[in-house]
Each structure stands twice: as structure tokens, then as C-alpha cells.
Amino acid sequence: MMNARNYTQYKKAWLVSTMIARDLIALSEGDVLPTIAEFSEKLYASRGIVQNALAALESSGAIALEKRGKRGTILWSVDMASVLELGY
């Protein structure tokens, strides 16, 4: 059973996923994503929510990422149909 706190976290992650999806529309495969801190500041969300949102996008197959530590995270592939569905 989902309590109010879990529901709120889920709702925030979905909203942030949608906002990130809109940003991804402007990126191409091979581009470096903004950092978690940059997304957090831009979207007024905690780092954890941003990390959960990116993980949800990746697990749904909408995006594939290559994490390179301090060199950044590379957008490896994008299923534009899935991203557009989330972004609008």
C-alpha cells in the first residue's frame, strides 16, 4: 500500500522526469548531460529526486546513459518517441 509520503515522492519524480524529458529533446546522442546539481538547481528538486527521475527514464528505455564520473554523463541513445511522449 502506498502512503502519502511515497505518493508525493512518486509524483515529484514523475514531474521531474517530464521536465528532464523536455530538456533532452534539445540534445543529440553523444552530448554531455547537465550535472545532477545543475538539474536540481534548475528544476528546484532534490538531488535524489533528479537521480530517481533519470533512473526511471533509463529503465523505461527512453534514454541510455554512459556515466563517466567527473567527465560527465553522456547521452548514449534516445528513443525520441518515448521522450516526446513524456515531454508533452
N, C-alpha and C. Protein backbone atom coordinates (compact mmCIF):
# COMPACT_ATOMS: atom_id res chain seq x y z
N MET A 1 0.84 -1.18 0.00
CA MET A 1 0.00 0.00 0.00
C MET A 1 0.89 1.25 0.00
N MET A 2 0.52 2.22 -0.80
CA MET A 2 1.32 3.43 -0.93
C MET A 2 0.79 4.48 0.05
N ASN A 3 1.68 4.98 0.91
CA ASN A 3 1.26 6.03 1.83
C ASN A 3 1.44 7.39 1.17
N ALA A 4 0.99 8.44 1.87
CA ALA A 4 1.02 9.80 1.29
C ALA A 4 2.43 10.25 0.95
N ARG A 5 3.39 9.92 1.79
CA ARG A 5 4.77 10.35 1.53
C ARG A 5 5.33 9.68 0.27
N ASN A 6 5.12 8.38 0.13
CA ASN A 6 5.60 7.68 -1.06
C ASN A 6 4.92 8.21 -2.31
N TYR A 7 3.63 8.51 -2.22
CA TYR A 7 2.91 9.05 -3.36
C TYR A 7 3.49 10.40 -3.77
N THR A 8 3.79 11.24 -2.80
CA THR A 8 4.36 12.55 -3.08
C THR A 8 5.72 12.41 -3.76
N GLN A 9 6.55 11.50 -3.27
CA GLN A 9 7.86 11.27 -3.89
C GLN A 9 7.68 10.77 -5.32
N TYR A 10 6.73 9.86 -5.54
CA TYR A 10 6.47 9.34 -6.89
C TYR A 10 6.02 10.46 -7.81
N LYS A 11 5.12 11.31 -7.32
CA LYS A 11 4.60 12.41 -8.12
C LYS A 11 5.71 13.39 -8.50
N LYS A 12 6.59 13.70 -7.53
CA LYS A 12 7.71 14.60 -7.81
C LYS A 12 8.65 14.00 -8.85
N ALA A 13 8.95 12.72 -8.70
CA ALA A 13 9.86 12.05 -9.65
C ALA A 13 9.25 12.07 -11.05
N TRP A 14 7.93 11.84 -11.16
CA TRP A 14 7.29 11.86 -12.46
C TRP A 14 7.36 13.26 -13.07
N LEU A 15 7.09 14.28 -12.26
CA LEU A 15 7.14 15.65 -12.76
C LEU A 15 8.55 16.02 -13.22
N VAL A 16 9.55 15.67 -12.43
CA VAL A 16 10.93 15.97 -12.79
C VAL A 16 11.33 15.18 -14.03
N SER A 17 10.88 13.92 -14.15
CA SER A 17 11.16 13.12 -15.35
C SER A 17 10.61 13.81 -16.59
N THR A 18 9.42 14.35 -16.47
CA THR A 18 8.79 15.06 -17.59
C THR A 18 9.60 16.30 -17.97
N MET A 19 10.04 17.04 -16.97
CA MET A 19 10.82 18.25 -17.23
C MET A 19 12.19 17.91 -17.84
N ILE A 20 12.80 16.85 -17.36
CA ILE A 20 14.08 16.43 -17.94
C ILE A 20 13.87 15.95 -19.37
N ALA A 21 12.79 15.24 -19.63
CA ALA A 21 12.48 14.78 -20.99
C ALA A 21 12.39 15.96 -21.95
N ARG A 22 11.79 17.04 -21.50
CA ARG A 22 11.72 18.23 -22.35
C ARG A 22 13.10 18.78 -22.67
N ASP A 23 14.00 18.74 -21.69
CA ASP A 23 15.38 19.19 -21.93
C ASP A 23 16.11 18.27 -22.89
N LEU A 24 15.83 16.97 -22.81
CA LEU A 24 16.53 16.00 -23.64
C LEU A 24 16.17 16.13 -25.12
N ILE A 25 15.01 16.69 -25.40
CA ILE A 25 14.59 16.87 -26.79
C ILE A 25 15.60 17.73 -27.55
N ALA A 26 16.23 18.67 -26.85
CA ALA A 26 17.19 19.58 -27.49
C ALA A 26 18.58 18.96 -27.62
N LEU A 27 18.83 17.81 -26.98
CA LEU A 27 20.16 17.19 -27.02
C LEU A 27 20.25 16.13 -28.11
N SER A 28 21.46 15.87 -28.54
CA SER A 28 21.73 14.81 -29.51
C SER A 28 22.48 13.69 -28.83
N GLU A 29 22.48 12.53 -29.45
CA GLU A 29 23.26 11.42 -28.93
C GLU A 29 24.72 11.82 -28.91
N GLY A 30 25.38 11.53 -27.80
CA GLY A 30 26.78 11.88 -27.64
C GLY A 30 27.00 13.17 -26.86
N ASP A 31 25.93 13.93 -26.61
CA ASP A 31 26.05 15.16 -25.83
C ASP A 31 26.20 14.83 -24.34
N VAL A 32 26.84 15.73 -23.63
CA VAL A 32 27.00 15.58 -22.18
C VAL A 32 25.77 16.19 -21.50
N LEU A 33 25.17 15.44 -20.59
CA LEU A 33 24.02 15.94 -19.83
C LEU A 33 24.48 16.93 -18.78
N PRO A 34 23.59 17.84 -18.40
CA PRO A 34 23.90 18.69 -17.25
C PRO A 34 24.12 17.81 -16.02
N THR A 35 24.85 18.31 -15.05
CA THR A 35 25.10 17.53 -13.84
C THR A 35 23.82 17.43 -13.01
N ILE A 36 23.83 16.49 -12.07
CA ILE A 36 22.70 16.34 -11.15
C ILE A 36 22.46 17.65 -10.40
N ALA A 37 23.54 18.29 -9.98
CA ALA A 37 23.42 19.57 -9.26
C ALA A 37 22.78 20.64 -10.15
N GLU A 38 23.15 20.69 -11.42
CA GLU A 38 22.57 21.67 -12.34
C GLU A 38 21.08 21.40 -12.55
N PHE A 39 20.73 20.12 -12.76
CA PHE A 39 19.30 19.78 -12.89
C PHE A 39 18.55 20.13 -11.61
N SER A 40 19.14 19.83 -10.45
CA SER A 40 18.50 20.11 -9.16
C SER A 40 18.20 21.59 -9.00
N GLU A 41 19.17 22.42 -9.34
CA GLU A 41 19.00 23.86 -9.22
C GLU A 41 17.97 24.38 -10.21
N LYS A 42 18.04 23.91 -11.43
CA LYS A 42 17.13 24.37 -12.48
C LYS A 42 15.68 23.97 -12.20
N LEU A 43 15.50 22.75 -11.69
CA LEU A 43 14.15 22.21 -11.50
C LEU A 43 13.62 22.35 -10.08
N TYR A 44 14.42 22.96 -9.20
CA TYR A 44 14.03 23.13 -7.80
C TYR A 44 13.64 21.79 -7.17
N ALA A 45 14.46 20.79 -7.39
CA ALA A 45 14.21 19.45 -6.86
C ALA A 45 15.48 18.95 -6.18
N SER A 46 15.32 18.02 -5.27
CA SER A 46 16.48 17.47 -4.58
C SER A 46 17.29 16.59 -5.54
N ARG A 47 18.53 16.37 -5.18
CA ARG A 47 19.40 15.53 -6.00
C ARG A 47 18.83 14.11 -6.12
N GLY A 48 18.26 13.61 -5.03
CA GLY A 48 17.68 12.27 -5.04
C GLY A 48 16.53 12.14 -6.03
N ILE A 49 15.67 13.16 -6.06
CA ILE A 49 14.54 13.15 -7.00
C ILE A 49 15.06 13.17 -8.43
N VAL A 50 16.07 13.99 -8.71
CA VAL A 50 16.65 14.06 -10.06
C VAL A 50 17.27 12.72 -10.43
N GLN A 51 18.00 12.10 -9.50
CA GLN A 51 18.61 10.80 -9.77
C GLN A 51 17.54 9.75 -10.04
N ASN A 52 16.45 9.76 -9.25
CA ASN A 52 15.36 8.81 -9.46
C ASN A 52 14.69 9.04 -10.81
N ALA A 53 14.52 10.29 -11.19
CA ALA A 53 13.88 10.62 -12.47
C ALA A 53 14.74 10.13 -13.64
N LEU A 54 16.05 10.37 -13.58
CA LEU A 54 16.94 9.89 -14.65
C LEU A 54 16.95 8.36 -14.70
N ALA A 55 16.95 7.73 -13.53
CA ALA A 55 16.92 6.26 -13.48
C ALA A 55 15.62 5.73 -14.08
N ALA A 56 14.50 6.41 -13.81
CA ALA A 56 13.22 5.99 -14.38
C ALA A 56 13.21 6.13 -15.90
N LEU A 57 13.76 7.23 -16.40
CA LEU A 57 13.84 7.42 -17.85
C LEU A 57 14.70 6.33 -18.49
N GLU A 58 15.79 6.00 -17.80
CA GLU A 58 16.70 4.99 -18.34
C GLU A 58 16.06 3.60 -18.27
N SER A 59 15.41 3.27 -17.17
CA SER A 59 14.81 1.93 -17.03
C SER A 59 13.61 1.74 -17.95
N SER A 60 12.95 2.84 -18.32
CA SER A 60 11.81 2.74 -19.24
C SER A 60 12.26 2.57 -20.69
N GLY A 61 13.55 2.76 -20.93
CA GLY A 61 14.07 2.63 -22.28
C GLY A 61 14.03 3.91 -23.09
N ALA A 62 13.60 5.00 -22.48
CA ALA A 62 13.52 6.27 -23.20
C ALA A 62 14.92 6.80 -23.53
N ILE A 63 15.87 6.56 -22.62
CA ILE A 63 17.24 7.01 -22.84
C ILE A 63 18.22 5.94 -22.38
N ALA A 64 19.43 6.02 -22.89
CA ALA A 64 20.54 5.20 -22.41
C ALA A 64 21.68 6.16 -22.10
N LEU A 65 22.25 6.01 -20.92
CA LEU A 65 23.30 6.91 -20.47
C LEU A 65 24.61 6.15 -20.26
N GLU A 66 25.70 6.86 -20.44
CA GLU A 66 27.01 6.34 -20.11
C GLU A 66 27.61 7.28 -19.07
N LYS A 67 27.76 6.76 -17.87
CA LYS A 67 28.28 7.59 -16.77
C LYS A 67 29.80 7.54 -16.77
N ARG A 68 30.43 8.72 -16.79
CA ARG A 68 31.88 8.81 -16.85
C ARG A 68 32.48 9.58 -15.68
N GLY A 69 31.82 9.52 -14.55
CA GLY A 69 32.35 10.18 -13.35
C GLY A 69 32.46 11.68 -13.53
N LYS A 70 33.64 12.21 -13.24
CA LYS A 70 33.84 13.67 -13.29
C LYS A 70 33.77 14.23 -14.71
N ARG A 71 33.92 13.37 -15.70
CA ARG A 71 33.84 13.84 -17.09
C ARG A 71 32.40 14.01 -17.57
N GLY A 72 31.46 13.62 -16.75
CA GLY A 72 30.05 13.83 -17.08
C GLY A 72 29.34 12.57 -17.53
N THR A 73 28.07 12.72 -17.76
CA THR A 73 27.23 11.63 -18.24
C THR A 73 26.87 11.90 -19.68
N ILE A 74 27.11 10.91 -20.52
CA ILE A 74 26.88 11.04 -21.95
C ILE A 74 25.51 10.45 -22.30
N LEU A 75 24.76 11.15 -23.13
CA LEU A 75 23.51 10.63 -23.65
C LEU A 75 23.86 9.66 -24.77
N TRP A 76 23.76 8.37 -24.49
CA TRP A 76 24.21 7.34 -25.42
C TRP A 76 23.18 7.11 -26.52
N SER A 77 21.92 6.97 -26.15
CA SER A 77 20.87 6.83 -27.16
C SER A 77 19.56 7.38 -26.61
N VAL A 78 18.69 7.75 -27.54
CA VAL A 78 17.41 8.34 -27.18
C VAL A 78 16.32 7.69 -28.01
N ASP A 79 15.27 7.23 -27.35
CA ASP A 79 14.07 6.80 -28.05
C ASP A 79 13.17 8.03 -28.09
N MET A 80 13.27 8.77 -29.18
CA MET A 80 12.61 10.07 -29.26
C MET A 80 11.11 9.96 -29.09
N ALA A 81 10.50 8.88 -29.54
CA ALA A 81 9.05 8.72 -29.36
C ALA A 81 8.69 8.68 -27.88
N SER A 82 9.46 7.95 -27.09
CA SER A 82 9.21 7.87 -25.65
C SER A 82 9.47 9.21 -24.97
N VAL A 83 10.54 9.88 -25.37
CA VAL A 83 10.87 11.17 -24.77
C VAL A 83 9.82 12.20 -25.11
N LEU A 84 9.37 12.22 -26.34
CA LEU A 84 8.32 13.17 -26.74
C LEU A 84 7.02 12.90 -26.00
N GLU A 85 6.71 11.62 -25.80
CA GLU A 85 5.51 11.25 -25.06
C GLU A 85 5.55 11.78 -23.64
N LEU A 86 6.72 11.70 -23.00
CA LEU A 86 6.87 12.19 -21.64
C LEU A 86 6.94 13.71 -21.58
N GLY A 87 7.55 14.30 -22.59
CA GLY A 87 7.81 15.74 -22.55
C GLY A 87 6.63 16.62 -22.86
N TYR A 88 5.57 16.05 -23.41
CA TYR A 88 4.41 16.89 -23.81
C TYR A 88 3.11 16.30 -23.36
